[in-house]
C-alpha atoms as a PDB file:
ATOM      1  CA  MET A   1      22.638  51.580  32.776  1.00  0.00           C
ATOM      2  CA  SER A   2      23.085  52.924  29.204  1.00  0.00           C
ATOM      3  CA  ASP A   3      21.186  55.725  28.252  1.00  0.00           C
ATOM      4  CA  GLU A   4      19.061  53.621  25.822  1.00  0.00           C
ATOM      5  CA  ALA A   5      18.277  51.017  28.484  1.00  0.00           C
ATOM      6  CA  ARG A   6      17.095  53.991  31.265  1.00  0.00           C
ATOM      7  CA  ALA A   7      14.898  55.589  28.626  1.00  0.00           C
ATOM      8  CA  ALA A   8      13.055  52.214  27.923  1.00  0.00           C
ATOM      9  CA  LYS A   9      12.084  52.043  31.536  1.00  0.00           C
ATOM     10  CA  GLU A  10       8.648  53.528  32.663  1.00  0.00           C
ATOM     11  CA  VAL A  11       8.717  56.652  34.640  1.00  0.00           C
ATOM     12  CA  VAL A  12       6.764  57.648  37.588  1.00  0.00           C
ATOM     13  CA  VAL A  13       6.537  61.250  38.413  1.00  0.00           C
ATOM     14  CA  VAL A  14       6.340  62.141  42.459  1.00  0.00           C
ATOM     15  CA  ILE A  15       5.798  65.824  42.990  1.00  0.00           C
ATOM     16  CA  GLY A  16       6.126  66.286  46.990  1.00  0.00           C
ATOM     17  CA  PRO A  17       8.125  63.037  47.917  1.00  0.00           C
ATOM     18  CA  GLY A  18       7.288  63.500  51.432  1.00  0.00           C
ATOM     19  CA  SER A  19       5.343  61.174  53.530  1.00  0.00           C
ATOM     20  CA  ILE A  20       2.371  60.587  51.488  1.00  0.00           C
ATOM     21  CA  GLY A  21       4.341  60.796  48.120  1.00  0.00           C
ATOM     22  CA  GLN A  22       6.874  58.230  49.162  1.00  0.00           C
ATOM     23  CA  ALA A  23       4.322  55.914  50.514  1.00  0.00           C
ATOM     24  CA  ILE A  24       2.868  56.038  47.214  1.00  0.00           C
ATOM     25  CA  ALA A  25       6.312  55.858  45.341  1.00  0.00           C
ATOM     26  CA  ARG A  26       6.848  52.648  47.415  1.00  0.00           C
ATOM     27  CA  ARG A  27       4.029  50.696  46.092  1.00  0.00           C
ATOM     28  CA  VAL A  28       4.580  51.419  42.337  1.00  0.00           C
ATOM     29  CA  GLY A  29       7.979  52.354  41.625  1.00  0.00           C
ATOM     30  CA  SER A  30       9.723  49.042  41.419  1.00  0.00           C
ATOM     31  CA  GLY A  31      11.461  48.293  38.125  1.00  0.00           C
ATOM     32  CA  ARG A  32      10.502  51.740  37.253  1.00  0.00           C
ATOM     33  CA  THR A  33      12.378  55.065  37.443  1.00  0.00           C
ATOM     34  CA  LEU A  34      11.379  57.648  40.094  1.00  0.00           C
ATOM     35  CA  LEU A  35      11.367  61.441  39.072  1.00  0.00           C
ATOM     36  CA  LEU A  36      10.856  63.325  42.314  1.00  0.00           C
ATOM     37  CA  ALA A  37       9.974  67.047  42.193  1.00  0.00           C
ATOM     38  CA  ALA A  38       9.593  69.503  45.383  1.00  0.00           C
ATOM     39  CA  HIS A  39      10.088  72.978  45.822  1.00  0.00           C
ATOM     40  CA  SER A  40      13.024  72.480  48.146  1.00  0.00           C
ATOM     41  CA  GLU A  41      16.162  71.097  46.247  1.00  0.00           C
ATOM     42  CA  GLU A  42      17.512  69.898  49.596  1.00  0.00           C
ATOM     43  CA  ALA A  43      14.167  67.986  50.757  1.00  0.00           C
ATOM     44  CA  THR A  44      14.204  66.488  47.267  1.00  0.00           C
ATOM     45  CA  LYS A  45      17.614  65.274  47.483  1.00  0.00           C
ATOM     46  CA  ALA A  46      17.175  63.763  50.947  1.00  0.00           C
ATOM     47  CA  ALA A  47      13.824  61.809  49.652  1.00  0.00           C
ATOM     48  CA  ALA A  48      15.639  60.691  46.542  1.00  0.00           C
ATOM     49  CA  GLU A  49      18.858  59.416  48.768  1.00  0.00           C
ATOM     50  CA  GLN A  50      15.918  57.607  51.320  1.00  0.00           C
ATOM     51  CA  LEU A  51      14.410  55.853  48.291  1.00  0.00           C
ATOM     52  CA  ARG A  52      17.859  54.673  46.593  1.00  0.00           C
ATOM     53  CA  GLY A  53      19.083  53.285  49.701  1.00  0.00           C
ATOM     54  CA  ASP A  54      15.849  51.080  49.929  1.00  0.00           C
ATOM     55  CA  GLY A  55      16.910  49.885  45.791  1.00  0.00           C
ATOM     56  CA  PHE A  56      14.891  52.511  43.708  1.00  0.00           C
ATOM     57  CA  GLU A  57      16.100  54.078  40.784  1.00  0.00           C
ATOM     58  CA  VAL A  58      15.944  57.750  41.337  1.00  0.00           C
ATOM     59  CA  ASP A  59      16.420  61.142  39.488  1.00  0.00           C
ATOM     60  CA  VAL A  60      15.563  64.490  41.096  1.00  0.00           C
ATOM     61  CA  GLN A  61      14.286  68.048  39.563  1.00  0.00           C
ATOM     62  CA  ALA A  62      13.824  71.133  42.049  1.00  0.00           C
ATOM     63  CA  THR A  63      10.103  72.375  41.126  1.00  0.00           C
ATOM     64  CA  ASP A  64       7.983  75.201  42.004  1.00  0.00           C
ATOM     65  CA  ILE A  65       4.520  73.908  41.117  1.00  0.00           C
ATOM     66  CA  SER A  66       3.409  77.698  41.307  1.00  0.00           C
ATOM     67  CA  ASP A  67       5.665  78.428  38.411  1.00  0.00           C
ATOM     68  CA  ARG A  68       3.904  77.151  35.346  1.00  0.00           C
ATOM     69  CA  ALA A  69       7.146  77.217  33.430  1.00  0.00           C
ATOM     70  CA  ALA A  70       8.814  74.988  36.128  1.00  0.00           C
ATOM     71  CA  VAL A  71       6.016  72.406  35.776  1.00  0.00           C
ATOM     72  CA  GLU A  72       6.049  72.595  32.004  1.00  0.00           C
ATOM     73  CA  ALA A  73       9.933  71.721  32.270  1.00  0.00           C
ATOM     74  CA  LEU A  74       9.437  69.289  34.826  1.00  0.00           C
ATOM     75  CA  ALA A  75       6.603  67.116  32.476  1.00  0.00           C
ATOM     76  CA  ASP A  76       9.214  67.607  29.533  1.00  0.00           C
ATOM     77  CA  LYS A  77      11.999  66.078  31.561  1.00  0.00           C
ATOM     78  CA  ALA A  78       9.993  63.283  32.397  1.00  0.00           C
ATOM     79  CA  ALA A  79       8.883  62.394  29.097  1.00  0.00           C
ATOM     80  CA  GLY A  80      12.480  62.765  27.866  1.00  0.00           C
ATOM     81  CA  MET A  81      13.345  60.103  30.283  1.00  0.00           C
ATOM     82  CA  GLY A  82      10.925  57.233  29.179  1.00  0.00           C
ATOM     83  CA  PRO A  83       7.078  56.789  29.075  1.00  0.00           C
ATOM     84  CA  VAL A  84       5.359  58.544  31.921  1.00  0.00           C
ATOM     85  CA  THR A  85       2.966  55.985  33.118  1.00  0.00           C
ATOM     86  CA  GLN A  86       2.190  57.181  36.668  1.00  0.00           C
ATOM     87  CA  VAL A  87       1.857  60.809  37.903  1.00  0.00           C
ATOM     88  CA  ILE A  88       1.703  61.348  41.517  1.00  0.00           C
ATOM     89  CA  HIS A  89       0.944  64.863  42.830  1.00  0.00           C
ATOM     90  CA  ALA A  90       1.138  65.198  46.683  1.00  0.00           C
ATOM     91  CA  ALA A  91       2.885  68.451  47.250  1.00  0.00           C
ATOM     92  CA  GLY A  92       1.287  71.428  48.937  1.00  0.00           C
ATOM     93  CA  VAL A  93       0.895  73.840  51.877  1.00  0.00           C
ATOM     94  CA  SER A  94      -1.498  74.081  54.856  1.00  0.00           C
ATOM     95  CA  PRO A  95      -3.441  77.006  56.101  1.00  0.00           C
ATOM     96  CA  THR A  96      -1.035  77.392  59.198  1.00  0.00           C
ATOM     97  CA  GLN A  97       2.212  77.561  56.890  1.00  0.00           C
ATOM     98  CA  ALA A  98       0.853  79.614  54.131  1.00  0.00           C
ATOM     99  CA  THR A  99      -1.108  82.976  53.226  1.00  0.00           C
ATOM    100  CA  ILE A 100      -4.370  82.868  51.372  1.00  0.00           C
ATOM    101  CA  GLU A 101      -2.668  84.172  48.561  1.00  0.00           C
ATOM    102  CA  ARG A 102      -0.011  81.121  48.635  1.00  0.00           C
ATOM    103  CA  VAL A 103      -2.544  78.655  49.277  1.00  0.00           C
ATOM    104  CA  MET A 104      -4.074  79.850  45.992  1.00  0.00           C
ATOM    105  CA  GLU A 105      -1.090  79.878  44.068  1.00  0.00           C
ATOM    106  CA  VAL A 106       0.545  76.561  45.162  1.00  0.00           C
ATOM    107  CA  ASP A 107      -2.773  74.190  45.860  1.00  0.00           C
ATOM    108  CA  LEU A 108      -4.962  75.509  43.582  1.00  0.00           C
ATOM    109  CA  ALA A 109      -3.204  76.898  40.532  1.00  0.00           C
ATOM    110  CA  GLY A 110       0.038  74.578  40.912  1.00  0.00           C
ATOM    111  CA  THR A 111      -2.657  71.454  40.764  1.00  0.00           C
ATOM    112  CA  ALA A 112      -4.175  73.141  37.412  1.00  0.00           C
ATOM    113  CA  TYR A 113      -0.557  73.486  35.932  1.00  0.00           C
ATOM    114  CA  ILE A 114      -0.020  69.997  36.743  1.00  0.00           C
ATOM    115  CA  LEU A 115      -2.716  68.309  35.255  1.00  0.00           C
ATOM    116  CA  ASP A 116      -2.529  70.441  32.263  1.00  0.00           C
ATOM    117  CA  ALA A 117       1.552  69.933  31.655  1.00  0.00           C
ATOM    118  CA  PHE A 118       0.972  66.037  32.073  1.00  0.00           C
ATOM    119  CA  ALA A 119      -2.156  65.942  30.029  1.00  0.00           C
ATOM    120  CA  ARG A 120       0.436  66.446  27.124  1.00  0.00           C
ATOM    121  CA  VAL A 121       2.874  63.613  27.980  1.00  0.00           C
ATOM    122  CA  VAL A 122       1.301  60.870  30.138  1.00  0.00           C
ATOM    123  CA  ALA A 123       1.700  57.500  28.362  1.00  0.00           C
ATOM    124  CA  PRO A 124      -1.496  55.816  27.008  1.00  0.00           C
ATOM    125  CA  GLY A 125      -2.259  53.435  29.770  1.00  0.00           C
ATOM    126  CA  GLY A 126      -0.938  55.756  32.245  1.00  0.00           C
ATOM    127  CA  ALA A 127      -2.844  56.977  35.417  1.00  0.00           C
ATOM    128  CA  GLY A 128      -2.474  60.221  37.826  1.00  0.00           C
ATOM    129  CA  ILE A 129      -3.465  60.820  41.111  1.00  0.00           C
ATOM    130  CA  VAL A 130      -3.907  64.215  42.882  1.00  0.00           C
ATOM    131  CA  VAL A 131      -3.624  64.171  46.832  1.00  0.00           C
ATOM    132  CA  ALA A 132      -6.237  66.435  47.878  1.00  0.00           C
ATOM    133  CA  SER A 133      -8.094  66.890  51.373  1.00  0.00           C
ATOM    134  CA  MET A 134     -11.417  66.242  53.047  1.00  0.00           C
ATOM    135  CA  ALA A 135     -11.220  70.110  53.476  1.00  0.00           C
ATOM    136  CA  GLY A 136     -12.474  70.073  49.955  1.00  0.00           C
ATOM    137  CA  HIS A 137     -15.603  68.433  51.285  1.00  0.00           C
ATOM    138  CA  ARG A 138     -16.032  70.392  54.404  1.00  0.00           C
ATOM    139  CA  GLU A 139     -17.191  73.482  53.088  1.00  0.00           C
ATOM    140  CA  SER A 140     -19.123  71.881  49.820  1.00  0.00           C
ATOM    141  CA  PRO A 141     -20.824  72.319  47.537  1.00  0.00           C
ATOM    142  CA  TYR A 142     -20.137  75.559  47.033  1.00  0.00           C
ATOM    143  CA  GLU A 143     -22.725  77.580  44.804  1.00  0.00           C
ATOM    144  CA  ARG A 144     -23.268  76.272  41.375  1.00  0.00           C
ATOM    145  CA  GLU A 145     -21.595  79.138  39.468  1.00  0.00           C
ATOM    146  CA  ILE A 146     -18.334  78.769  41.805  1.00  0.00           C
ATOM    147  CA  GLU A 147     -18.100  75.349  41.355  1.00  0.00           C
ATOM    148  CA  GLN A 148     -18.546  75.606  37.592  1.00  0.00           C
ATOM    149  CA  ALA A 149     -15.939  78.307  37.423  1.00  0.00           C
ATOM    150  CA  LEU A 150     -13.255  76.310  39.588  1.00  0.00           C
ATOM    151  CA  ALA A 151     -13.756  73.211  37.121  1.00  0.00           C
ATOM    152  CA  THR A 152     -13.482  74.828  33.884  1.00  0.00           C
ATOM    153  CA  THR A 153     -11.890  78.210  33.978  1.00  0.00           C
ATOM    154  CA  PRO A 154      -8.751  78.275  31.854  1.00  0.00           C
ATOM    155  CA  THR A 155      -5.951  77.656  33.989  1.00  0.00           C
ATOM    156  CA  ASP A 156      -4.316  81.036  32.806  1.00  0.00           C
ATOM    157  CA  GLN A 157      -7.275  82.908  34.323  1.00  0.00           C
ATOM    158  CA  LEU A 158      -8.058  80.987  37.593  1.00  0.00           C
ATOM    159  CA  LEU A 159      -6.407  83.167  39.864  1.00  0.00           C
ATOM    160  CA  ALA A 160      -7.933  86.097  38.623  1.00  0.00           C
ATOM    161  CA  LEU A 161     -11.776  84.902  39.399  1.00  0.00           C
ATOM    162  CA  PRO A 162     -13.416  87.498  41.787  1.00  0.00           C
ATOM    163  CA  PHE A 163     -14.489  84.822  44.514  1.00  0.00           C
ATOM    164  CA  LEU A 164     -10.754  83.994  45.046  1.00  0.00           C
ATOM    165  CA  ALA A 165      -9.695  87.549  45.844  1.00  0.00           C
ATOM    166  CA  PRO A 166      -8.464  87.256  49.906  1.00  0.00           C
ATOM    167  CA  GLU A 167     -10.963  89.629  51.204  1.00  0.00           C
ATOM    168  CA  LYS A 168     -13.712  87.593  49.706  1.00  0.00           C
ATOM    169  CA  VAL A 169     -11.899  84.406  50.866  1.00  0.00           C
ATOM    170  CA  GLY A 170     -11.770  85.683  54.278  1.00  0.00           C
ATOM    171  CA  SER A 171      -8.969  83.037  55.831  1.00  0.00           C
ATOM    172  CA  SER A 172      -6.132  80.596  54.900  1.00  0.00           C
ATOM    173  CA  VAL A 173      -8.684  77.805  56.394  1.00  0.00           C
ATOM    174  CA  HIS A 174     -11.269  78.941  53.931  1.00  0.00           C
ATOM    175  CA  ALA A 175      -8.740  78.957  51.082  1.00  0.00           C
ATOM    176  CA  TYR A 176      -7.414  75.405  51.709  1.00  0.00           C
ATOM    177  CA  ALA A 177     -11.185  74.298  51.602  1.00  0.00           C
ATOM    178  CA  LEU A 178     -11.963  76.458  48.752  1.00  0.00           C
ATOM    179  CA  ALA A 179      -8.625  74.858  46.900  1.00  0.00           C
ATOM    180  CA  LYS A 180      -8.885  71.406  47.975  1.00  0.00           C
ATOM    181  CA  ARG A 181     -12.576  71.429  46.304  1.00  0.00           C
ATOM    182  CA  GLY A 182     -11.130  73.305  43.066  1.00  0.00           C
ATOM    183  CA  ASN A 183      -8.604  70.368  42.948  1.00  0.00           C
ATOM    184  CA  ALA A 184     -11.393  67.640  42.897  1.00  0.00           C
ATOM    185  CA  LEU A 185     -13.340  69.511  40.162  1.00  0.00           C
ATOM    186  CA  ARG A 186     -10.353  70.062  38.044  1.00  0.00           C
ATOM    187  CA  VAL A 187      -9.384  66.358  38.164  1.00  0.00           C
ATOM    188  CA  GLU A 188     -13.049  65.773  37.238  1.00  0.00           C
ATOM    189  CA  THR A 189     -12.843  67.911  34.135  1.00  0.00           C
ATOM    190  CA  ALA A 190      -8.920  67.126  33.312  1.00  0.00           C
ATOM    191  CA  ALA A 191     -10.083  63.398  33.057  1.00  0.00           C
ATOM    192  CA  ALA A 192     -11.356  64.348  29.498  1.00  0.00           C
ATOM    193  CA  ALA A 193      -8.036  65.683  28.167  1.00  0.00           C
ATOM    194  CA  TRP A 194      -6.210  62.912  30.144  1.00  0.00           C
ATOM    195  CA  GLY A 195      -8.599  60.438  28.468  1.00  0.00           C
ATOM    196  CA  ARG A 196      -7.609  61.497  24.759  1.00  0.00           C
ATOM    197  CA  ARG A 197      -4.129  60.284  25.579  1.00  0.00           C
ATOM    198  CA  GLY A 198      -5.894  57.061  27.112  1.00  0.00           C
ATOM    199  CA  ALA A 199      -4.860  57.752  30.648  1.00  0.00           C
ATOM    200  CA  ARG A 200      -6.703  58.362  33.661  1.00  0.00           C
ATOM    201  CA  VAL A 201      -6.599  60.809  36.627  1.00  0.00           C
ATOM    202  CA  ASN A 202      -8.499  60.581  40.026  1.00  0.00           C
ATOM    203  CA  THR A 203      -8.283  62.577  43.300  1.00  0.00           C
ATOM    204  CA  ILE A 204      -7.898  61.047  46.689  1.00  0.00           C
ATOM    205  CA  SER A 205      -9.224  63.534  49.847  1.00  0.00           C
ATOM    206  CA  PRO A 206      -7.668  61.862  53.099  1.00  0.00           C
ATOM    207  CA  GLY A 207      -8.644  63.225  56.348  1.00  0.00           C
ATOM    208  CA  VAL A 208      -5.538  63.723  59.108  1.00  0.00           C
ATOM    209  CA  ILE A 209      -2.769  61.585  58.037  1.00  0.00           C
ATOM    210  CA  ILE A 210       0.039  61.443  60.468  1.00  0.00           C
ATOM    211  CA  THR A 211       2.956  63.706  58.537  1.00  0.00           C
ATOM    212  CA  PRO A 212       5.232  66.816  59.461  1.00  0.00           C
ATOM    213  CA  LEU A 213       2.747  68.811  57.783  1.00  0.00           C
ATOM    214  CA  ALA A 214      -0.236  67.508  59.700  1.00  0.00           C
ATOM    215  CA  LEU A 215       1.623  67.792  63.042  1.00  0.00           C
ATOM    216  CA  ASP A 216       2.130  71.579  62.390  1.00  0.00           C
ATOM    217  CA  GLU A 217      -1.511  71.634  62.237  1.00  0.00           C
ATOM    218  CA  LEU A 218      -2.010  69.547  65.337  1.00  0.00           C
ATOM    219  CA  SER A 219       0.346  71.998  67.150  1.00  0.00           C
ATOM    220  CA  GLY A 220      -1.190  75.095  66.094  1.00  0.00           C
ATOM    221  CA  PRO A 221      -4.172  77.131  66.568  1.00  0.00           C
ATOM    222  CA  ARG A 222      -6.653  74.698  65.535  1.00  0.00           C
ATOM    223  CA  LYS A 223      -5.205  71.804  68.088  1.00  0.00           C
ATOM    224  CA  GLU A 224      -8.403  71.768  70.060  1.00  0.00           C
ATOM    225  CA  TRP A 225     -10.545  71.024  67.068  1.00  0.00           C
ATOM    226  CA  PHE A 226      -8.385  68.348  65.560  1.00  0.00           C
ATOM    227  CA  GLU A 227      -8.548  66.801  69.085  1.00  0.00           C
ATOM    228  CA  HIS A 228     -12.230  66.831  68.887  1.00  0.00           C
ATOM    229  CA  VAL A 229     -12.149  65.424  65.299  1.00  0.00           C
ATOM    230  CA  ARG A 230     -10.385  62.360  66.492  1.00  0.00           C
ATOM    231  CA  GLU A 231     -12.904  61.542  69.333  1.00  0.00           C
ATOM    232  CA  VAL A 232     -16.136  62.159  66.981  1.00  0.00           C
ATOM    233  CA  CYS A 233     -14.994  60.605  63.840  1.00  0.00           C
ATOM    234  CA  ALA A 234     -16.312  56.847  63.194  1.00  0.00           C
ATOM    235  CA  ALA A 235     -12.621  55.450  63.145  1.00  0.00           C
ATOM    236  CA  LYS A 236     -11.923  57.313  66.310  1.00  0.00           C
ATOM    237  CA  ARG A 237      -8.195  57.665  65.181  1.00  0.00           C
ATOM    238  CA  PHE A 238      -5.996  59.602  62.437  1.00  0.00           C
ATOM    239  CA  ALA A 239      -4.647  57.736  59.400  1.00  0.00           C
ATOM    240  CA  THR A 240      -0.865  56.862  58.512  1.00  0.00           C
ATOM    241  CA  SER A 241       0.989  57.628  55.080  1.00  0.00           C
ATOM    242  CA  ASP A 242       0.871  53.852  54.252  1.00  0.00           C
ATOM    243  CA  GLU A 243      -3.023  53.969  54.347  1.00  0.00           C
ATOM    244  CA  VAL A 244      -3.256  56.561  51.480  1.00  0.00           C
ATOM    245  CA  GLY A 245      -0.301  54.603  49.671  1.00  0.00           C
ATOM    246  CA  ASP A 246      -2.745  51.457  49.449  1.00  0.00           C
ATOM    247  CA  ALA A 247      -5.601  53.610  48.499  1.00  0.00           C
ATOM    248  CA  ALA A 248      -3.497  55.383  45.531  1.00  0.00           C
ATOM    249  CA  ALA A 249      -1.849  52.454  44.471  1.00  0.00           C
ATOM    250  CA  PHE A 250      -5.170  50.930  44.029  1.00  0.00           C
ATOM    251  CA  LEU A 251      -6.524  54.003  41.952  1.00  0.00           C
ATOM    252  CA  LEU A 252      -3.135  53.611  39.984  1.00  0.00           C
ATOM    253  CA  GLY A 253      -3.335  50.027  38.886  1.00  0.00           C
ATOM    254  CA  PRO A 254      -5.094  48.030  36.719  1.00  0.00           C
ATOM    255  CA  GLN A 255      -7.909  47.248  38.907  1.00  0.00           C
ATOM    256  CA  ALA A 256      -9.325  50.525  38.939  1.00  0.00           C
ATOM    257  CA  GLY A 257      -8.930  51.098  34.993  1.00  0.00           C
ATOM    258  CA  PHE A 258     -12.505  52.158  34.969  1.00  0.00           C
ATOM    259  CA  ILE A 259     -12.120  54.351  37.294  1.00  0.00           C
ATOM    260  CA  THR A 260     -11.359  58.090  36.066  1.00  0.00           C
ATOM    261  CA  GLY A 261     -12.233  61.529  37.123  1.00  0.00           C
ATOM    262  CA  ALA A 262     -13.519  60.664  40.640  1.00  0.00           C
ATOM    263  CA  ASP A 263     -12.765  61.665  44.104  1.00  0.00           C
ATOM    264  CA  LEU A 264     -11.909  58.989  46.915  1.00  0.00           C
ATOM    265  CA  LEU A 265     -12.798  60.437  50.384  1.00  0.00           C
ATOM    266  CA  MET A 266     -11.134  58.603  53.075  1.00  0.00           C
ATOM    267  CA  ASP A 267     -11.379  60.572  56.208  1.00  0.00           C
ATOM    268  CA  GLY A 268     -12.067  58.166  58.625  1.00  0.00           C
ATOM    269  CA  GLY A 269     -15.983  59.566  59.043  1.00  0.00           C
ATOM    270  CA  VAL A 270     -14.896  62.980  59.778  1.00  0.00           C
ATOM    271  CA  THR A 271     -17.140  64.355  56.847  1.00  0.00           C
ATOM    272  CA  ALA A 272     -19.840  62.137  58.010  1.00  0.00           C
ATOM    273  CA  ALA A 273     -19.907  63.504  61.295  1.00  0.00           C
ATOM    274  CA  LEU A 274     -19.920  66.987  59.760  1.00  0.00           C
ATOM    275  CA  ARG A 275     -22.830  66.060  57.860  1.00  0.00           C
ATOM    276  CA  VAL A 276     -25.084  64.597  60.968  1.00  0.00           C
ATOM    277  CA  GLY A 277     -23.962  67.550  63.392  1.00  0.00           C
ATOM    278  CA  ASP A 278     -21.751  65.752  65.437  1.00  0.00           C
ATOM    279  CA  LEU A 279     -18.938  67.778  64.389  1.00  0.00           C
ATOM    280  CA  THR A 280     -19.031  71.601  63.942  1.00  0.00           C
ATOM    281  CA  MET A 281     -16.654  73.926  61.979  1.00  0.00           C
END
């Protein structure tokens, strides 16, 4: 394929091409160029090989989303390949995997960097999805001042917010909940900047989705809590990456053209169980 033909194709950026990222990519990537990005070059190439084997056109760029310059470089590369019509952000670390500081650097600040960078390059009519977590609903709403700060603090000042200091947060589990609530709030406000480009951006907050990352959590110190979650939630089960893919494809597609700055909670009823007292923290 010539460089001119390649440049004319729409570009779908997939940040975090793990189980969920790939599930979404498979639903929206046909006839487009997929640009995969992850912290691990090895993991990115493995995902690319898998998708190429299924007929998708794929390019890659190793990217540490906690590095603002790296995220900006990814956005510039995507824009240089063609019109960036869809952005899928499914990267992150879990509380079992990471310290409080790393959760904040990757899950909170990294998401803010992505929202800022792609607000510059997303094509008119484009759309983005940030995969957050039901954890963002677990401890929220926070105090009004905290939520306002998470939503509107300039990105380069975000990690300096006093309430994000490790001694204030207390644990990586609380850090994860705070970061994921921050994701939804940042998307809500980023919708204005994306809208000036004629584009939309939304959040999906999944519950327990069976992925390698989730399996780490399910076999970790909170194993019993997760087993209890499955017993008491309305769905009586955990979900699959394909189910997130279906929801994301809707939000990225034309049927959701009037939806932006929204957060779709898809947790099988876990948050409902928390609200009515069937489940405790």
